[in-house]
PDB file of all heavy atoms in Angstrom:
ATOM      1  N   ILE A   1      78.508  84.623  90.399  1.00  0.00           N
ATOM      2  CA  ILE A   1      79.743  84.134  89.767  1.00  0.00           C
ATOM      3  C   ILE A   1      79.469  83.297  88.514  1.00  0.00           C
ATOM      4  O   ILE A   1      80.166  83.466  87.504  1.00  0.00           O
ATOM      5  CB  ILE A   1      80.620  83.368  90.785  1.00  0.00           C
ATOM      6  CG1 ILE A   1      81.251  84.357  91.775  1.00  0.00           C
ATOM      7  CG2 ILE A   1      81.715  82.563  90.085  1.00  0.00           C
ATOM      8  CD1 ILE A   1      82.119  83.718  92.839  1.00  0.00           C
ATOM      9  N   PRO A   2      78.465  82.388  88.512  1.00  0.00           N
ATOM     10  CA  PRO A   2      78.170  81.665  87.269  1.00  0.00           C
ATOM     11  C   PRO A   2      77.778  82.579  86.107  1.00  0.00           C
ATOM     12  O   PRO A   2      77.950  82.204  84.946  1.00  0.00           O
ATOM     13  CB  PRO A   2      76.998  80.759  87.664  1.00  0.00           C
ATOM     14  CG  PRO A   2      77.195  80.519  89.120  1.00  0.00           C
ATOM     15  CD  PRO A   2      77.712  81.826  89.651  1.00  0.00           C
ATOM     16  N   MET A   3      77.261  83.774  86.407  1.00  0.00           N
ATOM     17  CA  MET A   3      76.973  84.752  85.354  1.00  0.00           C
ATOM     18  C   MET A   3      78.257  85.447  84.893  1.00  0.00           C
ATOM     19  O   MET A   3      78.440  85.715  83.694  1.00  0.00           O
ATOM     20  CB  MET A   3      75.984  85.799  85.867  1.00  0.00           C
ATOM     21  CG  MET A   3      75.721  86.933  84.887  1.00  0.00           C
ATOM     22  SD  MET A   3      75.116  88.456  85.642  1.00  0.00           S
ATOM     23  CE  MET A   3      76.558  89.030  86.539  1.00  0.00           C
ATOM     24  N   LEU A   4      79.159  85.735  85.842  1.00  0.00           N
ATOM     25  CA  LEU A   4      80.363  86.493  85.525  1.00  0.00           C
ATOM     26  C   LEU A   4      81.382  85.690  84.726  1.00  0.00           C
ATOM     27  O   LEU A   4      82.088  86.258  83.879  1.00  0.00           O
ATOM     28  CB  LEU A   4      81.021  86.995  86.822  1.00  0.00           C
ATOM     29  CG  LEU A   4      80.261  88.065  87.612  1.00  0.00           C
ATOM     30  CD1 LEU A   4      81.019  88.389  88.896  1.00  0.00           C
ATOM     31  CD2 LEU A   4      80.058  89.317  86.785  1.00  0.00           C
ATOM     32  N   ASN A   5      81.477  84.379  84.981  1.00  0.00           N
ATOM     33  CA  ASN A   5      82.525  83.580  84.330  1.00  0.00           C
ATOM     34  C   ASN A   5      82.518  83.666  82.806  1.00  0.00           C
ATOM     35  O   ASN A   5      83.572  83.916  82.201  1.00  0.00           O
ATOM     36  CB  ASN A   5      82.449  82.126  84.797  1.00  0.00           C
ATOM     37  CG  ASN A   5      83.101  81.929  86.155  1.00  0.00           C
ATOM     38  OD1 ASN A   5      83.866  82.782  86.625  1.00  0.00           O
ATOM     39  ND2 ASN A   5      82.818  80.818  86.810  1.00  0.00           N
ATOM     40  N   PRO A   6      81.368  83.455  82.115  1.00  0.00           N
ATOM     41  CA  PRO A   6      81.403  83.579  80.653  1.00  0.00           C
ATOM     42  C   PRO A   6      81.760  84.986  80.190  1.00  0.00           C
ATOM     43  O   PRO A   6      82.398  85.154  79.142  1.00  0.00           O
ATOM     44  CB  PRO A   6      79.978  83.191  80.223  1.00  0.00           C
ATOM     45  CG  PRO A   6      79.136  83.280  81.435  1.00  0.00           C
ATOM     46  CD  PRO A   6      80.045  82.998  82.582  1.00  0.00           C
ATOM     47  N   MET A   7      81.384  86.017  80.954  1.00  0.00           N
ATOM     48  CA  MET A   7      81.756  87.391  80.610  1.00  0.00           C
ATOM     49  C   MET A   7      83.261  87.580  80.735  1.00  0.00           C
ATOM     50  O   MET A   7      83.903  88.196  79.871  1.00  0.00           O
ATOM     51  CB  MET A   7      81.029  88.384  81.525  1.00  0.00           C
ATOM     52  CG  MET A   7      79.532  88.430  81.333  1.00  0.00           C
ATOM     53  SD  MET A   7      78.775  89.700  82.380  1.00  0.00           S
ATOM     54  CE  MET A   7      77.044  89.487  81.939  1.00  0.00           C
ATOM     55  N   ILE A   8      83.825  87.068  81.824  1.00  0.00           N
ATOM     56  CA  ILE A   8      85.271  87.190  82.046  1.00  0.00           C
ATOM     57  C   ILE A   8      86.049  86.537  80.910  1.00  0.00           C
ATOM     58  O   ILE A   8      87.003  87.110  80.368  1.00  0.00           O
ATOM     59  CB  ILE A   8      85.665  86.555  83.398  1.00  0.00           C
ATOM     60  CG1 ILE A   8      85.107  87.380  84.561  1.00  0.00           C
ATOM     61  CG2 ILE A   8      87.186  86.427  83.518  1.00  0.00           C
ATOM     62  CD1 ILE A   8      85.178  86.665  85.897  1.00  0.00           C
ATOM     63  N   TYR A   9      85.621  85.326  80.531  1.00  0.00           N
ATOM     64  CA  TYR A   9      86.356  84.583  79.505  1.00  0.00           C
ATOM     65  C   TYR A   9      86.107  85.102  78.102  1.00  0.00           C
ATOM     66  O   TYR A   9      86.904  84.845  77.194  1.00  0.00           O
ATOM     67  CB  TYR A   9      85.993  83.097  79.577  1.00  0.00           C
ATOM     68  CG  TYR A   9      86.743  82.368  80.666  1.00  0.00           C
ATOM     69  CD1 TYR A   9      86.148  82.121  81.900  1.00  0.00           C
ATOM     70  CD2 TYR A   9      88.052  81.945  80.470  1.00  0.00           C
ATOM     71  CE1 TYR A   9      86.837  81.458  82.908  1.00  0.00           C
ATOM     72  CE2 TYR A   9      88.749  81.284  81.473  1.00  0.00           C
ATOM     73  CZ  TYR A   9      88.134  81.048  82.685  1.00  0.00           C
ATOM     74  OH  TYR A   9      88.822  80.403  83.678  1.00  0.00           O
ATOM     75  N   SER A  10      85.018  85.830  77.881  1.00  0.00           N
ATOM     76  CA  SER A  10      84.756  86.368  76.545  1.00  0.00           C
ATOM     77  C   SER A  10      85.326  87.767  76.376  1.00  0.00           C
ATOM     78  O   SER A  10      85.951  88.084  75.358  1.00  0.00           O
ATOM     79  CB  SER A  10      83.253  86.381  76.248  1.00  0.00           C
ATOM     80  OG  SER A  10      82.557  87.135  77.227  1.00  0.00           O
ATOM     81  N   LEU A  11      85.167  88.620  77.394  1.00  0.00           N
ATOM     82  CA  LEU A  11      85.629  90.008  77.281  1.00  0.00           C
ATOM     83  C   LEU A  11      87.148  90.105  77.278  1.00  0.00           C
ATOM     84  O   LEU A  11      87.713  91.025  76.694  1.00  0.00           O
ATOM     85  CB  LEU A  11      85.057  90.845  78.433  1.00  0.00           C
ATOM     86  CG  LEU A  11      83.536  91.049  78.418  1.00  0.00           C
ATOM     87  CD1 LEU A  11      83.095  91.811  79.662  1.00  0.00           C
ATOM     88  CD2 LEU A  11      83.092  91.789  77.159  1.00  0.00           C
ATOM     89  N   ARG A  12      87.817  89.157  77.931  1.00  0.00           N
ATOM     90  CA  ARG A  12      89.279  89.216  78.038  1.00  0.00           C
ATOM     91  C   ARG A  12      89.974  88.251  77.083  1.00  0.00           C
ATOM     92  O   ARG A  12      91.181  88.063  77.168  1.00  0.00           O
ATOM     93  CB  ARG A  12      89.711  88.900  79.480  1.00  0.00           C
ATOM     94  CG  ARG A  12      89.171  89.866  80.521  1.00  0.00           C
ATOM     95  CD  ARG A  12      89.673  89.493  81.897  1.00  0.00           C
ATOM     96  NE  ARG A  12      91.124  89.666  81.983  1.00  0.00           N
ATOM     97  CZ  ARG A  12      91.728  90.757  82.413  1.00  0.00           C
ATOM     98  NH1 ARG A  12      91.016  91.789  82.793  1.00  0.00           N
ATOM     99  NH2 ARG A  12      93.033  90.842  82.469  1.00  0.00           N
ATOM    100  N   ASN A  13      89.216  87.665  76.176  1.00  0.00           N
ATOM    101  CA  ASN A  13      89.783  86.628  75.310  1.00  0.00           C
ATOM    102  C   ASN A  13      89.494  86.953  73.849  1.00  0.00           C
ATOM    103  O   ASN A  13      88.344  86.914  73.418  1.00  0.00           O
ATOM    104  CB  ASN A  13      89.186  85.267  75.694  1.00  0.00           C
ATOM    105  CG  ASN A  13      89.907  84.121  75.027  1.00  0.00           C
ATOM    106  OD1 ASN A  13      90.077  84.103  73.817  1.00  0.00           O
ATOM    107  ND2 ASN A  13      90.331  83.143  75.824  1.00  0.00           N
ATOM    108  N   GLN A  14      90.551  87.250  73.083  1.00  0.00           N
ATOM    109  CA  GLN A  14      90.380  87.653  71.689  1.00  0.00           C
ATOM    110  C   GLN A  14      89.855  86.505  70.832  1.00  0.00           C
ATOM    111  O   GLN A  14      89.065  86.735  69.900  1.00  0.00           O
ATOM    112  CB  GLN A  14      91.709  88.164  71.131  1.00  0.00           C
ATOM    113  CG  GLN A  14      91.580  88.888  69.790  1.00  0.00           C
ATOM    114  CD  GLN A  14      90.667  90.103  69.870  1.00  0.00           C
ATOM    115  OE1 GLN A  14      90.766  90.900  70.794  1.00  0.00           O
ATOM    116  NE2 GLN A  14      89.779  90.238  68.899  1.00  0.00           N
ATOM    117  N   GLU A  15      90.281  85.283  71.123  1.00  0.00           N
ATOM    118  CA  GLU A  15      89.821  84.137  70.331  1.00  0.00           C
ATOM    119  C   GLU A  15      88.321  83.927  70.479  1.00  0.00           C
ATOM    120  O   GLU A  15      87.617  83.640  69.500  1.00  0.00           O
ATOM    121  CB  GLU A  15      90.569  82.866  70.765  1.00  0.00           C
ATOM    122  CG  GLU A  15      92.023  82.828  70.348  1.00  0.00           C
ATOM    123  CD  GLU A  15      92.719  81.571  70.841  1.00  0.00           C
ATOM    124  OE1 GLU A  15      92.400  81.113  71.957  1.00  0.00           O
ATOM    125  OE2 GLU A  15      93.567  81.050  70.104  1.00  0.00           O
ATOM    126  N   VAL A  16      87.812  84.070  71.705  1.00  0.00           N
ATOM    127  CA  VAL A  16      86.371  83.933  71.937  1.00  0.00           C
ATOM    128  C   VAL A  16      85.620  85.059  71.247  1.00  0.00           C
ATOM    129  O   VAL A  16      84.563  84.834  70.633  1.00  0.00           O
ATOM    130  CB  VAL A  16      86.063  83.908  73.449  1.00  0.00           C
ATOM    131  CG1 VAL A  16      84.553  83.943  73.692  1.00  0.00           C
ATOM    132  CG2 VAL A  16      86.655  82.659  74.099  1.00  0.00           C
ATOM    133  N   LYS A  17      86.143  86.294  71.325  1.00  0.00           N
ATOM    134  CA  LYS A  17      85.488  87.432  70.672  1.00  0.00           C
ATOM    135  C   LYS A  17      85.457  87.248  69.156  1.00  0.00           C
ATOM    136  O   LYS A  17      84.456  87.562  68.509  1.00  0.00           O
ATOM    137  CB  LYS A  17      86.199  88.729  71.047  1.00  0.00           C
ATOM    138  CG  LYS A  17      85.919  89.180  72.475  1.00  0.00           C
ATOM    139  CD  LYS A  17      86.380  90.592  72.738  1.00  0.00           C
ATOM    140  CE  LYS A  17      87.857  90.661  72.985  1.00  0.00           C
ATOM    141  NZ  LYS A  17      88.294  92.005  73.452  1.00  0.00           N
ATOM    142  N   ASN A  18      86.545  86.724  68.586  1.00  0.00           N
ATOM    143  CA  ASN A  18      86.577  86.469  67.143  1.00  0.00           C
ATOM    144  C   ASN A  18      85.570  85.391  66.745  1.00  0.00           C
ATOM    145  O   ASN A  18      84.882  85.508  65.731  1.00  0.00           O
ATOM    146  CB  ASN A  18      87.982  86.052  66.707  1.00  0.00           C
ATOM    147  CG  ASN A  18      88.984  87.189  66.796  1.00  0.00           C
ATOM    148  OD1 ASN A  18      88.603  88.367  66.800  1.00  0.00           O
ATOM    149  ND2 ASN A  18      90.255  86.859  66.870  1.00  0.00           N
ATOM    150  N   ALA A  19      85.489  84.338  67.556  1.00  0.00           N
ATOM    151  CA  ALA A  19      84.536  83.257  67.286  1.00  0.00           C
ATOM    152  C   ALA A  19      83.100  83.763  67.392  1.00  0.00           C
ATOM    153  O   ALA A  19      82.232  83.388  66.589  1.00  0.00           O
ATOM    154  CB  ALA A  19      84.762  82.101  68.258  1.00  0.00           C
ATOM    155  N   LEU A  20      82.849  84.633  68.375  1.00  0.00           N
ATOM    156  CA  LEU A  20      81.511  85.205  68.548  1.00  0.00           C
ATOM    157  C   LEU A  20      81.158  86.095  67.359  1.00  0.00           C
ATOM    158  O   LEU A  20      80.027  86.038  66.848  1.00  0.00           O
ATOM    159  CB  LEU A  20      81.460  86.011  69.850  1.00  0.00           C
ATOM    160  CG  LEU A  20      80.123  86.669  70.190  1.00  0.00           C
ATOM    161  CD1 LEU A  20      79.026  85.614  70.325  1.00  0.00           C
ATOM    162  CD2 LEU A  20      80.233  87.472  71.486  1.00  0.00           C
ATOM    163  N   ARG A  21      82.117  86.900  66.904  1.00  0.00           N
ATOM    164  CA  ARG A  21      81.885  87.774  65.749  1.00  0.00           C
ATOM    165  C   ARG A  21      81.578  86.939  64.499  1.00  0.00           C
ATOM    166  O   ARG A  21      80.661  87.263  63.738  1.00  0.00           O
ATOM    167  CB  ARG A  21      83.126  88.642  65.512  1.00  0.00           C
ATOM    168  CG  ARG A  21      82.889  89.808  64.555  1.00  0.00           C
ATOM    169  CD  ARG A  21      84.140  90.668  64.422  1.00  0.00           C
ATOM    170  NE  ARG A  21      84.532  91.243  65.695  1.00  0.00           N
ATOM    171  CZ  ARG A  21      85.655  90.956  66.335  1.00  0.00           C
ATOM    172  NH1 ARG A  21      86.491  90.051  65.842  1.00  0.00           N
ATOM    173  NH2 ARG A  21      85.954  91.524  67.478  1.00  0.00           N
ATOM    174  N   LYS A  22      82.314  85.857  64.328  1.00  0.00           N
ATOM    175  CA  LYS A  22      82.094  84.978  63.183  1.00  0.00           C
ATOM    176  C   LYS A  22      80.721  84.320  63.250  1.00  0.00           C
ATOM    177  O   LYS A  22      80.016  84.202  62.234  1.00  0.00           O
ATOM    178  CB  LYS A  22      83.196  83.901  63.154  1.00  0.00           C
ATOM    179  CG  LYS A  22      83.116  82.968  61.961  1.00  0.00           C
ATOM    180  CD  LYS A  22      84.245  81.940  62.021  1.00  0.00           C
ATOM    181  CE  LYS A  22      84.111  80.926  60.890  1.00  0.00           C
ATOM    182  NZ  LYS A  22      85.163  79.882  60.969  1.00  0.00           N
ATOM    183  N   ALA A  23      80.316  83.904  64.458  1.00  0.00           N
ATOM    184  CA  ALA A  23      79.005  83.263  64.626  1.00  0.00           C
ATOM    185  C   ALA A  23      77.873  84.245  64.341  1.00  0.00           C
ATOM    186  O   ALA A  23      76.866  83.880  63.715  1.00  0.00           O
ATOM    187  CB  ALA A  23      78.873  82.714  66.044  1.00  0.00           C
ATOM    188  N   ILE A  24      78.039  85.503  64.782  1.00  0.00           N
ATOM    189  CA  ILE A  24      77.020  86.523  64.530  1.00  0.00           C
ATOM    190  C   ILE A  24      76.903  86.806  63.037  1.00  0.00           C
ATOM    191  O   ILE A  24      75.800  86.950  62.491  1.00  0.00           O
ATOM    192  CB  ILE A  24      77.352  87.820  65.304  1.00  0.00           C
ATOM    193  CG1 ILE A  24      77.195  87.577  66.808  1.00  0.00           C
ATOM    194  CG2 ILE A  24      76.453  88.975  64.861  1.00  0.00           C
ATOM    195  CD1 ILE A  24      77.691  88.717  67.672  1.00  0.00           C
ATOM    196  N   GLU A  25      78.050  86.857  62.356  1.00  0.00           N
ATOM    197  CA  GLU A  25      78.032  87.080  60.907  1.00  0.00           C
ATOM    198  C   GLU A  25      77.308  85.956  60.181  1.00  0.00           C
ATOM    199  O   GLU A  25      76.533  86.190  59.251  1.00  0.00           O
ATOM    200  CB  GLU A  25      79.458  87.206  60.382  1.00  0.00           C
ATOM    201  CG  GLU A  25      80.141  88.518  60.748  1.00  0.00           C
ATOM    202  CD  GLU A  25      81.583  88.558  60.297  1.00  0.00           C
ATOM    203  OE1 GLU A  25      82.074  87.551  59.726  1.00  0.00           O
ATOM    204  OE2 GLU A  25      82.236  89.610  60.512  1.00  0.00           O
ATOM    205  N   LYS A  26      77.547  84.727  60.615  1.00  0.00           N
ATOM    206  CA  LYS A  26      76.878  83.581  59.988  1.00  0.00           C
ATOM    207  C   LYS A  26      75.375  83.620  60.205  1.00  0.00           C
ATOM    208  O   LYS A  26      74.589  83.285  59.320  1.00  0.00           O
ATOM    209  CB  LYS A  26      77.440  82.269  60.560  1.00  0.00           C
ATOM    210  CG  LYS A  26      78.759  81.839  59.955  1.00  0.00           C
ATOM    211  CD  LYS A  26      79.147  80.464  60.483  1.00  0.00           C
ATOM    212  CE  LYS A  26      80.431  79.969  59.843  1.00  0.00           C
ATOM    213  NZ  LYS A  26      80.821  78.622  60.351  1.00  0.00           N
ATOM    214  N   CYS A  27      74.977  84.029  61.410  1.00  0.00           N
ATOM    215  CA  CYS A  27      73.556  84.002  61.763  1.00  0.00           C
ATOM    216  C   CYS A  27      72.766  85.155  61.161  1.00  0.00           C
ATOM    217  O   CYS A  27      71.595  84.991  60.807  1.00  0.00           O
ATOM    218  CB  CYS A  27      73.388  84.021  63.284  1.00  0.00           C
ATOM    219  SG  CYS A  27      73.943  82.512  64.094  1.00  0.00           S
TER     220      CYS A  27
END
């Protein structure tokens, strides 16, 4: 479950996905 929680909140959350995309672009 501690592994699944960040996946659940990232895969089902557009704001998190957008933030992740922005972070990848910066890096």
